[in-house]
């Protein structure tokens, strides 16, 4: 999912690192309309795979504009998994914004 700003992408970076269990980088992409977006990828290979399947998207620098200094794993007690009721409430709140 592309993010409209580097700041927003940075908010999601830790979640991506938890899911991939390693460092991820934020890359600046330019779409054919000229707008810039930011995406999180695990590594350069993942970025290149994305660019190959999306030829209308370019990444001029081919290096992350931001990457964490080191990966800090989290334990299960630091993550709260939502139950179905909490998910429904959250989705309803988003719809009503």
N, C-alpha and C. Protein backbone atom coordinates (compact mmCIF):
# COMPACT_ATOMS: atom_id res chain seq x y z
N UNK A 1 0.85 -1.17 0.00
CA UNK A 1 0.00 0.00 0.00
C UNK A 1 0.90 1.24 0.00
N UNK A 2 0.72 2.13 -0.95
CA UNK A 2 1.54 3.34 -0.96
C UNK A 2 1.02 4.37 0.04
N UNK A 3 1.95 5.08 0.64
CA UNK A 3 1.62 6.13 1.61
C UNK A 3 1.89 7.48 0.98
N UNK A 4 1.08 8.47 1.33
CA UNK A 4 1.19 9.80 0.76
C UNK A 4 2.35 10.63 1.27
N UNK A 5 2.92 10.23 2.40
CA UNK A 5 4.06 10.99 2.93
C UNK A 5 5.00 10.03 3.66
N UNK A 6 6.23 10.48 3.80
CA UNK A 6 7.22 9.69 4.52
C UNK A 6 6.81 9.53 5.98
N UNK A 7 6.23 10.57 6.55
CA UNK A 7 5.83 10.52 7.96
C UNK A 7 4.78 9.44 8.21
N UNK A 8 3.81 9.33 7.31
CA UNK A 8 2.78 8.29 7.47
C UNK A 8 3.40 6.91 7.31
N UNK A 9 4.27 6.75 6.33
CA UNK A 9 4.94 5.45 6.13
C UNK A 9 5.73 5.06 7.37
N UNK A 10 6.35 6.04 8.03
CA UNK A 10 7.13 5.75 9.23
C UNK A 10 6.25 5.23 10.36
N UNK A 11 5.00 5.65 10.39
CA UNK A 11 4.08 5.14 11.41
C UNK A 11 3.81 3.65 11.24
N UNK A 12 3.89 3.18 10.01
CA UNK A 12 3.62 1.77 9.71
C UNK A 12 4.87 0.91 9.67
N UNK A 13 6.03 1.51 9.73
CA UNK A 13 7.28 0.77 9.57
C UNK A 13 7.46 -0.30 10.63
N UNK A 14 7.23 -0.01 11.88
CA UNK A 14 7.44 -1.00 12.95
C UNK A 14 6.50 -2.19 12.76
N UNK A 15 5.26 -1.93 12.33
CA UNK A 15 4.33 -3.03 12.09
C UNK A 15 4.87 -3.94 10.98
N UNK A 16 5.41 -3.34 9.93
CA UNK A 16 5.99 -4.13 8.83
C UNK A 16 7.17 -4.94 9.32
N UNK A 17 8.00 -4.35 10.17
CA UNK A 17 9.16 -5.06 10.70
C UNK A 17 8.73 -6.22 11.60
N UNK A 18 7.67 -6.04 12.35
CA UNK A 18 7.17 -7.12 13.20
C UNK A 18 6.66 -8.26 12.32
N UNK A 19 5.92 -7.92 11.27
CA UNK A 19 5.37 -8.95 10.39
C UNK A 19 6.46 -9.72 9.65
N UNK A 20 7.51 -9.03 9.22
CA UNK A 20 8.58 -9.69 8.47
C UNK A 20 9.70 -10.19 9.36
N UNK A 21 9.68 -9.83 10.63
CA UNK A 21 10.69 -10.20 11.63
C UNK A 21 12.09 -9.79 11.19
N UNK A 22 12.19 -8.57 10.68
CA UNK A 22 13.49 -8.04 10.27
C UNK A 22 13.35 -6.59 9.84
N UNK A 23 14.48 -6.00 9.47
CA UNK A 23 14.47 -4.62 9.03
C UNK A 23 13.73 -4.45 7.70
N UNK A 24 13.06 -3.33 7.56
CA UNK A 24 12.40 -2.95 6.32
C UNK A 24 12.82 -1.52 6.00
N UNK A 25 12.70 -1.14 4.76
CA UNK A 25 13.04 0.21 4.36
C UNK A 25 11.86 0.89 3.70
N UNK A 26 11.84 2.21 3.77
CA UNK A 26 10.81 3.00 3.10
C UNK A 26 11.44 3.58 1.84
N UNK A 27 10.80 3.33 0.70
CA UNK A 27 11.32 3.76 -0.60
C UNK A 27 10.39 4.81 -1.20
N UNK A 28 10.98 5.81 -1.85
CA UNK A 28 10.20 6.84 -2.53
C UNK A 28 9.96 6.40 -3.97
N UNK A 29 8.69 6.30 -4.35
CA UNK A 29 8.31 5.88 -5.69
C UNK A 29 7.64 7.02 -6.43
N UNK A 30 7.87 7.10 -7.72
CA UNK A 30 7.23 8.10 -8.56
C UNK A 30 6.30 7.38 -9.53
N UNK A 31 5.04 7.78 -9.51
CA UNK A 31 4.04 7.17 -10.39
C UNK A 31 3.96 7.96 -11.69
N UNK A 32 3.35 7.35 -12.70
CA UNK A 32 3.38 7.95 -14.04
C UNK A 32 2.74 9.33 -14.09
N UNK A 33 1.86 9.65 -13.17
CA UNK A 33 1.25 10.99 -13.13
C UNK A 33 2.20 12.02 -12.52
N UNK A 34 3.33 11.53 -12.00
CA UNK A 34 4.31 12.42 -11.40
C UNK A 34 4.21 12.53 -9.89
N UNK A 35 3.20 11.92 -9.30
CA UNK A 35 3.06 12.02 -7.85
C UNK A 35 4.01 11.04 -7.15
N UNK A 36 4.50 11.45 -6.00
CA UNK A 36 5.43 10.64 -5.23
C UNK A 36 4.68 9.98 -4.08
N UNK A 37 4.98 8.72 -3.89
CA UNK A 37 4.39 7.93 -2.81
C UNK A 37 5.51 7.14 -2.14
N UNK A 38 5.23 6.63 -0.97
CA UNK A 38 6.22 5.88 -0.21
C UNK A 38 5.67 4.49 0.08
N UNK A 39 6.53 3.48 -0.07
CA UNK A 39 6.16 2.10 0.20
C UNK A 39 7.23 1.45 1.04
N UNK A 40 6.81 0.48 1.81
CA UNK A 40 7.73 -0.25 2.68
C UNK A 40 8.03 -1.60 2.02
N UNK A 41 9.33 -1.89 1.91
CA UNK A 41 9.76 -3.18 1.37
C UNK A 41 10.80 -3.78 2.30
N UNK A 42 10.84 -5.09 2.32
CA UNK A 42 11.79 -5.81 3.17
C UNK A 42 13.22 -5.65 2.67
N UNK A 43 13.39 -5.63 1.34
CA UNK A 43 14.74 -5.55 0.78
C UNK A 43 14.66 -5.08 -0.68
N UNK A 44 15.81 -4.91 -1.31
CA UNK A 44 15.87 -4.41 -2.68
C UNK A 44 15.26 -5.41 -3.66
N UNK A 45 15.37 -6.69 -3.37
CA UNK A 45 14.79 -7.71 -4.24
C UNK A 45 13.27 -7.58 -4.29
N UNK A 46 12.67 -7.33 -3.13
CA UNK A 46 11.22 -7.15 -3.07
C UNK A 46 10.81 -5.89 -3.84
N UNK A 47 11.60 -4.82 -3.70
CA UNK A 47 11.34 -3.60 -4.45
C UNK A 47 11.42 -3.86 -5.96
N UNK A 48 12.49 -4.53 -6.40
CA UNK A 48 12.66 -4.81 -7.83
C UNK A 48 11.54 -5.68 -8.38
N UNK A 49 11.07 -6.62 -7.60
CA UNK A 49 9.95 -7.47 -8.03
C UNK A 49 8.70 -6.60 -8.23
N UNK A 50 8.46 -5.68 -7.29
CA UNK A 50 7.32 -4.78 -7.41
C UNK A 50 7.44 -3.90 -8.65
N UNK A 51 8.63 -3.34 -8.89
CA UNK A 51 8.84 -2.46 -10.04
C UNK A 51 8.68 -3.23 -11.35
N UNK A 52 9.09 -4.47 -11.38
CA UNK A 52 8.96 -5.29 -12.59
C UNK A 52 7.50 -5.53 -12.94
N UNK A 53 6.67 -5.74 -11.93
CA UNK A 53 5.24 -5.98 -12.18
C UNK A 53 4.43 -4.69 -12.31
N UNK A 54 5.05 -3.56 -12.02
CA UNK A 54 4.39 -2.25 -12.11
C UNK A 54 5.27 -1.29 -12.90
N UNK A 55 5.34 -1.45 -14.23
CA UNK A 55 6.27 -0.64 -15.02
C UNK A 55 5.96 0.85 -15.04
N UNK A 56 4.77 1.25 -14.61
CA UNK A 56 4.43 2.68 -14.57
C UNK A 56 4.99 3.38 -13.33
N UNK A 57 5.61 2.60 -12.45
CA UNK A 57 6.17 3.13 -11.21
C UNK A 57 7.69 3.12 -11.31
N UNK A 58 8.32 4.19 -10.86
CA UNK A 58 9.79 4.30 -10.89
C UNK A 58 10.31 4.56 -9.48
N UNK A 59 11.51 4.08 -9.24
CA UNK A 59 12.22 4.36 -7.99
C UNK A 59 13.61 4.82 -8.39
N UNK A 60 13.82 6.13 -8.38
CA UNK A 60 15.06 6.71 -8.89
C UNK A 60 16.29 6.31 -8.07
N UNK A 61 16.18 6.33 -6.75
CA UNK A 61 17.36 6.12 -5.91
C UNK A 61 17.69 4.64 -5.67
N UNK A 62 16.71 3.77 -5.74
CA UNK A 62 16.91 2.33 -5.50
C UNK A 62 17.54 2.05 -4.13
N UNK A 63 17.35 2.96 -3.21
CA UNK A 63 17.78 2.76 -1.83
C UNK A 63 16.74 3.40 -0.92
N UNK A 64 16.59 2.89 0.30
CA UNK A 64 15.56 3.44 1.17
C UNK A 64 15.83 4.89 1.56
N UNK A 65 14.75 5.66 1.64
CA UNK A 65 14.87 7.03 2.15
C UNK A 65 14.91 7.01 3.67
N UNK A 66 14.44 5.89 4.24
CA UNK A 66 14.52 5.70 5.69
C UNK A 66 14.58 4.22 5.99
N UNK A 67 15.44 3.86 6.92
CA UNK A 67 15.52 2.49 7.42
C UNK A 67 15.91 2.56 8.89
N UNK A 68 15.35 1.69 9.71
CA UNK A 68 15.69 1.67 11.14
C UNK A 68 17.16 1.32 11.32
N UNK A 69 17.73 1.77 12.42
CA UNK A 69 19.14 1.46 12.69
C UNK A 69 19.35 -0.02 12.97
N UNK A 70 18.39 -0.62 13.69
CA UNK A 70 18.48 -2.06 13.96
C UNK A 70 17.08 -2.60 14.22
N UNK A 71 16.93 -3.89 14.03
CA UNK A 71 15.65 -4.54 14.29
C UNK A 71 15.58 -4.94 15.76
N UNK A 72 14.52 -4.52 16.40
CA UNK A 72 14.29 -4.88 17.80
C UNK A 72 13.05 -5.76 17.85
N UNK A 73 13.22 -7.05 18.09
CA UNK A 73 12.05 -7.94 18.14
C UNK A 73 11.15 -7.61 19.32
N UNK A 74 9.90 -7.95 19.18
CA UNK A 74 8.95 -7.75 20.27
C UNK A 74 8.43 -9.10 20.72
N UNK A 75 7.99 -9.17 21.96
CA UNK A 75 7.39 -10.42 22.42
C UNK A 75 5.87 -10.30 22.35
N UNK A 76 5.21 -11.40 22.45
CA UNK A 76 3.75 -11.43 22.29
C UNK A 76 3.01 -10.55 23.28
N UNK A 77 3.59 -10.31 24.45
CA UNK A 77 2.91 -9.47 25.44
C UNK A 77 2.90 -8.00 25.03
N UNK A 78 3.73 -7.63 24.04
CA UNK A 78 3.77 -6.25 23.58
C UNK A 78 2.78 -6.00 22.43
N UNK A 79 2.17 -7.05 21.93
CA UNK A 79 1.25 -6.93 20.80
C UNK A 79 -0.15 -7.31 21.25
N UNK A 80 -1.11 -6.48 20.92
CA UNK A 80 -2.49 -6.79 21.25
C UNK A 80 -3.22 -7.17 19.98
N UNK A 81 -3.73 -8.37 19.94
CA UNK A 81 -4.53 -8.81 18.82
C UNK A 81 -5.98 -8.45 19.09
N UNK A 82 -6.64 -7.84 18.13
CA UNK A 82 -8.02 -7.42 18.30
C UNK A 82 -8.97 -8.60 18.16
N UNK A 83 -10.04 -8.57 18.98
CA UNK A 83 -11.07 -9.59 18.81
C UNK A 83 -12.07 -9.08 17.76
N UNK A 84 -13.03 -9.91 17.40
CA UNK A 84 -13.96 -9.55 16.32
C UNK A 84 -14.76 -8.29 16.64
N UNK A 85 -15.15 -8.12 17.89
CA UNK A 85 -15.91 -6.93 18.29
C UNK A 85 -15.07 -5.67 18.13
N UNK A 86 -13.81 -5.73 18.53
CA UNK A 86 -12.92 -4.58 18.41
C UNK A 86 -12.65 -4.24 16.94
N UNK A 87 -12.51 -5.25 16.12
CA UNK A 87 -12.31 -5.03 14.68
C UNK A 87 -13.52 -4.34 14.08
N UNK A 88 -14.72 -4.81 14.42
CA UNK A 88 -15.94 -4.21 13.89
C UNK A 88 -16.06 -2.75 14.33
N UNK A 89 -15.80 -2.48 15.61
CA UNK A 89 -15.85 -1.11 16.11
C UNK A 89 -14.85 -0.23 15.37
N UNK A 90 -13.65 -0.72 15.18
CA UNK A 90 -12.62 0.04 14.47
C UNK A 90 -13.04 0.34 13.04
N UNK A 91 -13.54 -0.64 12.33
CA UNK A 91 -13.97 -0.44 10.94
C UNK A 91 -15.15 0.51 10.85
N UNK A 92 -16.07 0.43 11.82
CA UNK A 92 -17.20 1.37 11.85
C UNK A 92 -16.72 2.80 12.07
N UNK A 93 -15.74 2.97 12.95
CA UNK A 93 -15.19 4.31 13.21
C UNK A 93 -14.54 4.89 11.95
N UNK A 94 -13.85 4.06 11.21
CA UNK A 94 -13.20 4.53 9.97
C UNK A 94 -14.25 4.96 8.94
N UNK A 95 -15.32 4.18 8.81
CA UNK A 95 -16.38 4.50 7.85
C UNK A 95 -17.06 5.83 8.18
N UNK A 96 -17.20 6.13 9.47
CA UNK A 96 -17.93 7.31 9.91
C UNK A 96 -17.07 8.56 10.01
N UNK A 97 -15.86 8.52 9.57
CA UNK A 97 -14.98 9.70 9.63
C UNK A 97 -15.34 10.67 8.56
